[in-house]
C-alpha atoms as a PDB file:
ATOM      1  CA  MET A   1      18.162 -18.349  12.575  1.00  0.00           C
ATOM      2  CA  ARG A   2      16.379 -20.928  14.698  1.00  0.00           C
ATOM      3  CA  SER A   3      14.471 -23.734  13.004  1.00  0.00           C
ATOM      4  CA  GLU A   4      11.130 -24.968  14.353  1.00  0.00           C
ATOM      5  CA  PRO A   5       8.610 -27.561  13.176  1.00  0.00           C
ATOM      6  CA  THR A   6       5.773 -26.179  11.079  1.00  0.00           C
ATOM      7  CA  THR A   7       3.208 -27.283  13.676  1.00  0.00           C
ATOM      8  CA  THR A   8       4.964 -25.206  16.356  1.00  0.00           C
ATOM      9  CA  LEU A   9       4.972 -22.170  14.087  1.00  0.00           C
ATOM     10  CA  GLY A  10       1.329 -22.745  13.211  1.00  0.00           C
ATOM     11  CA  ARG A  11       0.346 -22.905  16.871  1.00  0.00           C
ATOM     12  CA  ARG A  12       2.304 -19.717  17.563  1.00  0.00           C
ATOM     13  CA  ALA A  13       0.587 -17.978  14.650  1.00  0.00           C
ATOM     14  CA  ILE A  14      -2.817 -19.034  15.998  1.00  0.00           C
ATOM     15  CA  ASP A  15      -1.879 -17.698  19.444  1.00  0.00           C
ATOM     16  CA  LEU A  16      -0.760 -14.388  17.952  1.00  0.00           C
ATOM     17  CA  LEU A  17      -3.958 -14.036  15.936  1.00  0.00           C
ATOM     18  CA  ALA A  18      -6.054 -14.778  19.016  1.00  0.00           C
ATOM     19  CA  GLU A  19      -4.122 -12.132  20.951  1.00  0.00           C
ATOM     20  CA  LEU A  20      -4.737  -9.616  18.173  1.00  0.00           C
ATOM     21  CA  GLU A  21      -8.425 -10.486  18.183  1.00  0.00           C
ATOM     22  CA  ARG A  22      -8.591  -9.673  21.901  1.00  0.00           C
ATOM     23  CA  ASN A  23      -6.980  -6.284  21.319  1.00  0.00           C
ATOM     24  CA  ARG A  24      -8.802  -4.963  18.273  1.00  0.00           C
ATOM     25  CA  GLU A  25      -7.489  -1.419  18.700  1.00  0.00           C
ATOM     26  CA  SER A  26      -3.950  -2.526  17.871  1.00  0.00           C
ATOM     27  CA  VAL A  27      -5.195  -4.422  14.846  1.00  0.00           C
ATOM     28  CA  LEU A  28      -7.107  -1.409  13.571  1.00  0.00           C
ATOM     29  CA  ILE A  29      -4.061   0.837  13.986  1.00  0.00           C
ATOM     30  CA  ALA A  30      -1.867  -1.666  12.143  1.00  0.00           C
ATOM     31  CA  GLN A  31      -4.432  -1.956   9.335  1.00  0.00           C
ATOM     32  CA  LEU A  32      -4.644   1.813   8.963  1.00  0.00           C
ATOM     33  CA  GLU A  33      -0.871   2.105   8.927  1.00  0.00           C
ATOM     34  CA  GLY A  34      -0.726  -0.572   6.224  1.00  0.00           C
ATOM     35  CA  ILE A  35      -3.312   1.269   4.138  1.00  0.00           C
ATOM     36  CA  ALA A  36      -1.424   4.558   4.532  1.00  0.00           C
ATOM     37  CA  HIS A  37       1.820   2.837   3.536  1.00  0.00           C
ATOM     38  CA  GLY A  38       0.145   1.409   0.429  1.00  0.00           C
ATOM     39  CA  ASP A  39      -1.377   4.771  -0.493  1.00  0.00           C
ATOM     40  CA  GLN A  40       2.053   6.397  -0.241  1.00  0.00           C
ATOM     41  CA  ALA A  41       3.591   3.658  -2.393  1.00  0.00           C
ATOM     42  CA  VAL A  42       1.000   4.332  -5.116  1.00  0.00           C
ATOM     43  CA  GLU A  43       1.666   8.073  -4.966  1.00  0.00           C
ATOM     44  CA  ASP A  44       5.414   7.397  -5.241  1.00  0.00           C
ATOM     45  CA  GLY A  45       4.880   5.085  -8.216  1.00  0.00           C
ATOM     46  CA  ARG A  46       6.090   2.025  -6.312  1.00  0.00           C
ATOM     47  CA  THR A  47       3.596  -0.465  -7.694  1.00  0.00           C
ATOM     48  CA  LEU A  48       3.769  -3.873  -9.355  1.00  0.00           C
ATOM     49  CA  THR A  49       1.618  -5.738 -11.809  1.00  0.00           C
ATOM     50  CA  GLN A  50      -0.098  -8.894 -10.558  1.00  0.00           C
ATOM     51  CA  ASP A  51       2.473 -11.041 -12.401  1.00  0.00           C
ATOM     52  CA  GLU A  52       5.406  -9.099 -10.920  1.00  0.00           C
ATOM     53  CA  ALA A  53       3.959  -9.456  -7.425  1.00  0.00           C
ATOM     54  CA  MET A  54       3.409 -13.198  -7.916  1.00  0.00           C
ATOM     55  CA  GLN A  55       7.009 -13.629  -9.100  1.00  0.00           C
ATOM     56  CA  ARG A  56       8.339 -11.789  -6.046  1.00  0.00           C
ATOM     57  CA  MET A  57       6.107 -13.766  -3.689  1.00  0.00           C
ATOM     58  CA  ALA A  58       6.628 -17.172  -5.361  1.00  0.00           C
ATOM     59  CA  ARG A  59       9.026 -18.293  -2.629  1.00  0.00           C
ATOM     60  CA  TRP A  60       6.399 -17.710   0.076  1.00  0.00           C
ATOM     61  CA  LEU A  61       3.498 -18.928  -2.009  1.00  0.00           C
ATOM     62  CA  GLY A  62       5.268 -22.190  -2.833  1.00  0.00           C
ATOM     63  CA  GLN A  63       5.196 -21.563  -6.556  1.00  0.00           C
ATOM     64  CA  ARG A  64       7.930 -21.579  -9.154  1.00  0.00           C
ATOM     65  CA  ARG A  65       7.817 -19.081 -11.983  1.00  0.00           C
END
């Protein structure tokens, strides 16, 4: 995996968000797909409590639990 400075990644993220903003249709489709995926997860019983989710996401949120 390639390593890049945080500022480079931040700039790339900003560019990607701006591109998504220009093409709202793609964003809407992605949002609807995400909602459908979440609805299916609930129906399948694949849910977490808030604490469980925070523990799983701690690495990305910069927290230690």
